[in-house]
């Protein structure tokens, strides 16, 4: 509950986790990448999202012909225009919801 000098009565505040859907997706993908590091066989492309191949490495994710470091993907996304950036974020969020990656959270 919060008191505001401009409000007529106290009101309840909503509590938010602070992690966005994109942050949660990246957490899942990082866990999957860590598991991949322990595997001996190369699985090839991990996903095909629409016509875009997606490959997850130990420290990188490849979406189409673009490769991003998993640790600093948000700053790398800033170099793209809004449409391409939104498309990449959409791909990451959607592949993080697959059964394969959901098992690694």
N, C-alpha and C. Protein backbone atom coordinates (compact mmCIF):
# COMPACT_ATOMS: atom_id res chain seq x y z
N UNK A 1 0.84 -1.18 0.00
CA UNK A 1 0.00 0.00 0.00
C UNK A 1 0.88 1.24 0.00
N UNK A 2 0.48 2.23 -0.75
CA UNK A 2 1.26 3.46 -0.85
C UNK A 2 0.37 4.65 -0.52
N UNK A 3 0.97 5.65 0.07
CA UNK A 3 0.28 6.90 0.33
C UNK A 3 0.79 7.94 -0.64
N UNK A 4 -0.11 8.59 -1.32
CA UNK A 4 0.25 9.63 -2.27
C UNK A 4 -0.44 10.91 -1.83
N UNK A 5 0.28 12.02 -1.76
CA UNK A 5 -0.36 13.26 -1.31
C UNK A 5 -1.46 13.74 -2.26
N UNK A 6 -1.49 13.24 -3.48
CA UNK A 6 -2.49 13.67 -4.45
C UNK A 6 -3.67 12.70 -4.54
N UNK A 7 -3.56 11.54 -3.89
CA UNK A 7 -4.64 10.56 -3.92
C UNK A 7 -5.58 10.79 -2.74
N UNK A 8 -6.84 10.45 -2.90
CA UNK A 8 -7.82 10.65 -1.83
C UNK A 8 -7.69 9.58 -0.74
N UNK A 9 -7.12 8.42 -1.10
CA UNK A 9 -6.96 7.34 -0.12
C UNK A 9 -5.74 6.51 -0.51
N UNK A 10 -5.21 5.69 0.42
CA UNK A 10 -4.08 4.81 0.08
C UNK A 10 -4.49 3.83 -1.02
N UNK A 11 -3.53 3.42 -1.83
CA UNK A 11 -3.82 2.46 -2.89
C UNK A 11 -2.74 1.40 -2.93
N UNK A 12 -3.10 0.23 -3.44
CA UNK A 12 -2.17 -0.89 -3.53
C UNK A 12 -1.30 -0.74 -4.76
N UNK A 13 -0.03 -1.08 -4.60
CA UNK A 13 0.91 -1.08 -5.71
C UNK A 13 1.01 -2.48 -6.28
N UNK A 14 1.17 -2.57 -7.58
CA UNK A 14 1.42 -3.86 -8.21
C UNK A 14 2.90 -4.18 -8.09
N UNK A 15 3.20 -5.41 -7.76
CA UNK A 15 4.60 -5.86 -7.70
C UNK A 15 4.95 -6.57 -8.99
N UNK A 16 6.05 -6.17 -9.60
CA UNK A 16 6.50 -6.78 -10.84
C UNK A 16 7.84 -7.45 -10.59
N UNK A 17 8.08 -8.52 -11.32
CA UNK A 17 9.30 -9.29 -11.16
C UNK A 17 10.52 -8.53 -11.67
N UNK A 18 10.38 -7.69 -12.63
CA UNK A 18 11.52 -6.97 -13.18
C UNK A 18 12.13 -7.67 -14.37
N UNK A 19 11.83 -8.94 -14.55
CA UNK A 19 12.34 -9.65 -15.72
C UNK A 19 11.29 -9.59 -16.82
N UNK A 20 11.69 -9.17 -17.97
CA UNK A 20 10.76 -9.13 -19.09
C UNK A 20 10.68 -10.51 -19.72
N UNK A 21 9.75 -10.64 -20.63
CA UNK A 21 9.62 -11.91 -21.35
C UNK A 21 10.89 -12.23 -22.12
N UNK A 22 11.55 -11.19 -22.65
CA UNK A 22 12.81 -11.39 -23.37
C UNK A 22 13.90 -11.87 -22.42
N UNK A 23 13.97 -11.30 -21.22
CA UNK A 23 14.97 -11.74 -20.24
C UNK A 23 14.76 -13.20 -19.86
N UNK A 24 13.51 -13.59 -19.67
CA UNK A 24 13.21 -14.99 -19.35
C UNK A 24 13.59 -15.90 -20.50
N UNK A 25 13.33 -15.46 -21.73
CA UNK A 25 13.70 -16.25 -22.90
C UNK A 25 15.20 -16.44 -22.96
N UNK A 26 15.95 -15.36 -22.69
CA UNK A 26 17.41 -15.46 -22.74
C UNK A 26 17.94 -16.36 -21.62
N UNK A 27 17.29 -16.36 -20.48
CA UNK A 27 17.72 -17.25 -19.39
C UNK A 27 17.57 -18.70 -19.82
N UNK A 28 16.44 -19.03 -20.46
CA UNK A 28 16.21 -20.39 -20.93
C UNK A 28 17.22 -20.79 -22.01
N UNK A 29 17.46 -19.87 -22.93
CA UNK A 29 18.39 -20.17 -24.02
C UNK A 29 19.81 -20.36 -23.48
N UNK A 30 20.21 -19.57 -22.49
CA UNK A 30 21.53 -19.75 -21.88
C UNK A 30 21.65 -21.11 -21.20
N UNK A 31 20.59 -21.56 -20.54
CA UNK A 31 20.62 -22.88 -19.92
C UNK A 31 20.75 -23.97 -20.98
N UNK A 32 20.04 -23.82 -22.08
CA UNK A 32 20.13 -24.77 -23.19
C UNK A 32 21.53 -24.76 -23.79
N UNK A 33 22.11 -23.58 -23.94
CA UNK A 33 23.46 -23.46 -24.50
C UNK A 33 24.48 -24.14 -23.60
N UNK A 34 24.30 -24.01 -22.30
CA UNK A 34 25.21 -24.67 -21.35
C UNK A 34 25.11 -26.19 -21.49
N UNK A 35 23.90 -26.69 -21.67
CA UNK A 35 23.71 -28.12 -21.88
C UNK A 35 24.37 -28.57 -23.18
N UNK A 36 24.22 -27.76 -24.24
CA UNK A 36 24.83 -28.10 -25.53
C UNK A 36 26.35 -28.25 -25.42
N UNK A 37 26.95 -27.45 -24.56
CA UNK A 37 28.40 -27.49 -24.40
C UNK A 37 28.87 -28.86 -23.92
N UNK A 38 28.02 -29.55 -23.18
CA UNK A 38 28.38 -30.85 -22.63
C UNK A 38 28.14 -32.00 -23.62
N UNK A 39 27.45 -31.74 -24.71
CA UNK A 39 27.13 -32.78 -25.68
C UNK A 39 28.30 -33.03 -26.62
N UNK A 40 28.44 -34.26 -27.05
CA UNK A 40 29.55 -34.62 -27.94
C UNK A 40 29.17 -34.50 -29.40
N UNK A 41 27.90 -34.65 -29.72
CA UNK A 41 27.46 -34.57 -31.11
C UNK A 41 26.98 -33.18 -31.44
N UNK A 42 27.20 -32.76 -32.67
CA UNK A 42 26.74 -31.48 -33.15
C UNK A 42 25.34 -31.67 -33.73
N UNK A 43 24.31 -31.06 -33.13
CA UNK A 43 22.95 -31.29 -33.61
C UNK A 43 22.59 -30.53 -34.88
N UNK A 44 23.48 -29.69 -35.39
CA UNK A 44 23.15 -28.88 -36.56
C UNK A 44 22.24 -27.74 -36.13
N UNK A 45 21.41 -27.25 -37.04
CA UNK A 45 20.50 -26.17 -36.66
C UNK A 45 19.50 -26.70 -35.65
N UNK A 46 19.33 -25.95 -34.59
CA UNK A 46 18.45 -26.37 -33.51
C UNK A 46 16.98 -26.14 -33.83
N UNK A 47 16.69 -25.05 -34.54
CA UNK A 47 15.31 -24.67 -34.81
C UNK A 47 15.20 -24.08 -36.20
N UNK A 48 14.02 -24.16 -36.72
CA UNK A 48 13.67 -23.45 -37.94
C UNK A 48 12.41 -22.67 -37.60
N UNK A 49 12.53 -21.34 -37.55
CA UNK A 49 11.40 -20.49 -37.20
C UNK A 49 10.93 -19.81 -38.47
N UNK A 50 9.81 -20.26 -38.99
CA UNK A 50 9.38 -19.80 -40.31
C UNK A 50 10.40 -20.30 -41.31
N UNK A 51 11.02 -19.42 -42.03
CA UNK A 51 12.10 -19.80 -42.95
C UNK A 51 13.47 -19.45 -42.39
N UNK A 52 13.53 -19.04 -41.13
CA UNK A 52 14.78 -18.59 -40.53
C UNK A 52 15.40 -19.70 -39.69
N UNK A 53 16.59 -20.17 -40.05
CA UNK A 53 17.27 -21.16 -39.22
C UNK A 53 17.86 -20.49 -37.98
N UNK A 54 17.77 -21.19 -36.87
CA UNK A 54 18.30 -20.69 -35.60
C UNK A 54 19.22 -21.75 -35.02
N UNK A 55 20.40 -21.33 -34.64
CA UNK A 55 21.39 -22.24 -34.07
C UNK A 55 21.89 -21.65 -32.77
N UNK A 56 21.95 -22.44 -31.73
CA UNK A 56 22.44 -21.98 -30.44
C UNK A 56 23.76 -22.67 -30.16
N UNK A 57 24.76 -21.85 -29.91
CA UNK A 57 26.09 -22.33 -29.54
C UNK A 57 26.27 -22.10 -28.04
N UNK A 58 27.43 -22.45 -27.52
CA UNK A 58 27.68 -22.26 -26.10
C UNK A 58 27.62 -20.79 -25.69
N UNK A 59 28.16 -19.90 -26.51
CA UNK A 59 28.22 -18.49 -26.15
C UNK A 59 27.52 -17.58 -27.15
N UNK A 60 26.96 -18.15 -28.20
CA UNK A 60 26.37 -17.35 -29.28
C UNK A 60 25.04 -17.95 -29.71
N UNK A 61 24.24 -17.11 -30.35
CA UNK A 61 23.03 -17.58 -31.02
C UNK A 61 23.09 -17.04 -32.44
N UNK A 62 22.82 -17.91 -33.40
CA UNK A 62 22.80 -17.52 -34.81
C UNK A 62 21.35 -17.54 -35.27
N UNK A 63 20.89 -16.40 -35.76
CA UNK A 63 19.54 -16.28 -36.30
C UNK A 63 19.71 -15.86 -37.75
N UNK A 64 19.39 -16.78 -38.65
CA UNK A 64 19.66 -16.53 -40.07
C UNK A 64 21.17 -16.43 -40.27
N UNK A 65 21.63 -15.31 -40.81
CA UNK A 65 23.08 -15.15 -40.98
C UNK A 65 23.67 -14.16 -39.98
N UNK A 66 22.91 -13.80 -38.95
CA UNK A 66 23.41 -12.91 -37.90
C UNK A 66 23.78 -13.72 -36.67
N UNK A 67 24.93 -13.41 -36.09
CA UNK A 67 25.40 -14.11 -34.89
C UNK A 67 25.50 -13.10 -33.76
N UNK A 68 24.96 -13.47 -32.59
CA UNK A 68 24.94 -12.60 -31.43
C UNK A 68 25.57 -13.31 -30.23
N UNK A 69 26.35 -12.58 -29.45
CA UNK A 69 26.87 -13.11 -28.19
C UNK A 69 25.71 -13.18 -27.21
N UNK A 70 25.56 -14.30 -26.52
CA UNK A 70 24.45 -14.46 -25.59
C UNK A 70 24.56 -13.50 -24.41
N UNK A 71 25.77 -13.18 -24.00
CA UNK A 71 25.95 -12.33 -22.82
C UNK A 71 25.62 -10.87 -23.09
N UNK A 72 25.69 -10.42 -24.34
CA UNK A 72 25.50 -9.01 -24.63
C UNK A 72 24.59 -8.82 -25.84
N UNK A 73 23.51 -9.57 -25.87
CA UNK A 73 22.65 -9.53 -27.05
C UNK A 73 21.87 -8.22 -27.17
N UNK A 74 21.51 -7.61 -26.05
CA UNK A 74 20.69 -6.40 -26.14
C UNK A 74 21.44 -5.25 -26.80
N UNK A 75 22.73 -5.11 -26.51
CA UNK A 75 23.47 -4.03 -27.17
C UNK A 75 23.68 -4.33 -28.64
N UNK A 76 23.81 -5.59 -29.00
CA UNK A 76 23.97 -5.95 -30.41
C UNK A 76 22.68 -5.69 -31.18
N UNK A 77 21.55 -5.88 -30.53
CA UNK A 77 20.26 -5.65 -31.20
C UNK A 77 20.03 -4.17 -31.50
N UNK A 78 20.65 -3.30 -30.74
CA UNK A 78 20.44 -1.86 -30.93
C UNK A 78 20.98 -1.35 -32.26
N UNK A 79 21.81 -2.11 -32.94
CA UNK A 79 22.34 -1.65 -34.22
C UNK A 79 21.38 -1.87 -35.39
N UNK A 80 20.28 -2.60 -35.13
CA UNK A 80 19.30 -2.89 -36.17
C UNK A 80 18.14 -1.90 -36.13
N UNK A 81 17.45 -1.79 -37.26
CA UNK A 81 16.24 -0.96 -37.27
C UNK A 81 15.16 -1.66 -36.44
N UNK A 82 14.12 -0.91 -36.09
CA UNK A 82 13.09 -1.43 -35.19
C UNK A 82 12.42 -2.70 -35.72
N UNK A 83 12.14 -2.77 -37.01
CA UNK A 83 11.47 -3.93 -37.59
C UNK A 83 12.33 -5.19 -37.43
N UNK A 84 13.61 -5.09 -37.79
CA UNK A 84 14.50 -6.26 -37.70
C UNK A 84 14.73 -6.63 -36.23
N UNK A 85 14.91 -5.64 -35.39
CA UNK A 85 15.12 -5.88 -33.96
C UNK A 85 13.91 -6.61 -33.37
N UNK A 86 12.70 -6.12 -33.67
CA UNK A 86 11.48 -6.77 -33.18
C UNK A 86 11.35 -8.19 -33.70
N UNK A 87 11.74 -8.42 -34.94
CA UNK A 87 11.69 -9.76 -35.52
C UNK A 87 12.64 -10.71 -34.77
N UNK A 88 13.85 -10.26 -34.48
CA UNK A 88 14.82 -11.10 -33.76
C UNK A 88 14.33 -11.40 -32.36
N UNK A 89 13.82 -10.38 -31.68
CA UNK A 89 13.29 -10.58 -30.33
C UNK A 89 12.12 -11.56 -30.36
N UNK A 90 11.25 -11.44 -31.34
CA UNK A 90 10.12 -12.35 -31.50
C UNK A 90 10.60 -13.79 -31.70
N UNK A 91 11.62 -13.97 -32.52
CA UNK A 91 12.16 -15.32 -32.76
C UNK A 91 12.71 -15.89 -31.45
N UNK A 92 13.49 -15.10 -30.72
CA UNK A 92 14.08 -15.58 -29.47
C UNK A 92 13.00 -15.96 -28.46
N UNK A 93 12.01 -15.12 -28.31
CA UNK A 93 10.93 -15.42 -27.35
C UNK A 93 10.18 -16.67 -27.77
N UNK A 94 9.88 -16.83 -29.04
CA UNK A 94 9.12 -17.98 -29.50
C UNK A 94 9.90 -19.29 -29.41
N UNK A 95 11.19 -19.27 -29.72
CA UNK A 95 11.93 -20.54 -29.58
C UNK A 95 12.15 -20.88 -28.12
N UNK A 96 12.16 -19.87 -27.24
CA UNK A 96 12.32 -20.17 -25.81
C UNK A 96 11.08 -20.85 -25.25
N UNK A 97 9.97 -20.75 -25.95
CA UNK A 97 8.72 -21.38 -25.50
C UNK A 97 8.57 -22.80 -26.02
N UNK A 98 9.53 -23.27 -26.81
CA UNK A 98 9.44 -24.64 -27.32
C UNK A 98 9.69 -25.63 -26.19
N UNK A 99 9.23 -26.82 -26.37
CA UNK A 99 9.37 -27.85 -25.35
C UNK A 99 10.84 -28.15 -25.04
N UNK A 100 11.68 -28.12 -26.07
CA UNK A 100 13.10 -28.41 -25.89
C UNK A 100 13.73 -27.44 -24.90
N UNK A 101 13.54 -26.17 -25.10
CA UNK A 101 14.19 -25.17 -24.26
C UNK A 101 13.48 -25.02 -22.92
N UNK A 102 12.18 -25.18 -22.89
CA UNK A 102 11.47 -25.08 -21.61
C UNK A 102 11.93 -26.12 -20.59
N UNK A 103 12.48 -27.21 -21.04
CA UNK A 103 12.97 -28.25 -20.13
C UNK A 103 14.25 -27.84 -19.41
N UNK A 104 14.87 -26.73 -19.81
CA UNK A 104 16.15 -26.34 -19.24
C UNK A 104 16.04 -25.19 -18.26
N UNK A 105 14.84 -24.76 -17.92
CA UNK A 105 14.73 -23.66 -16.96
C UNK A 105 14.78 -24.17 -15.56
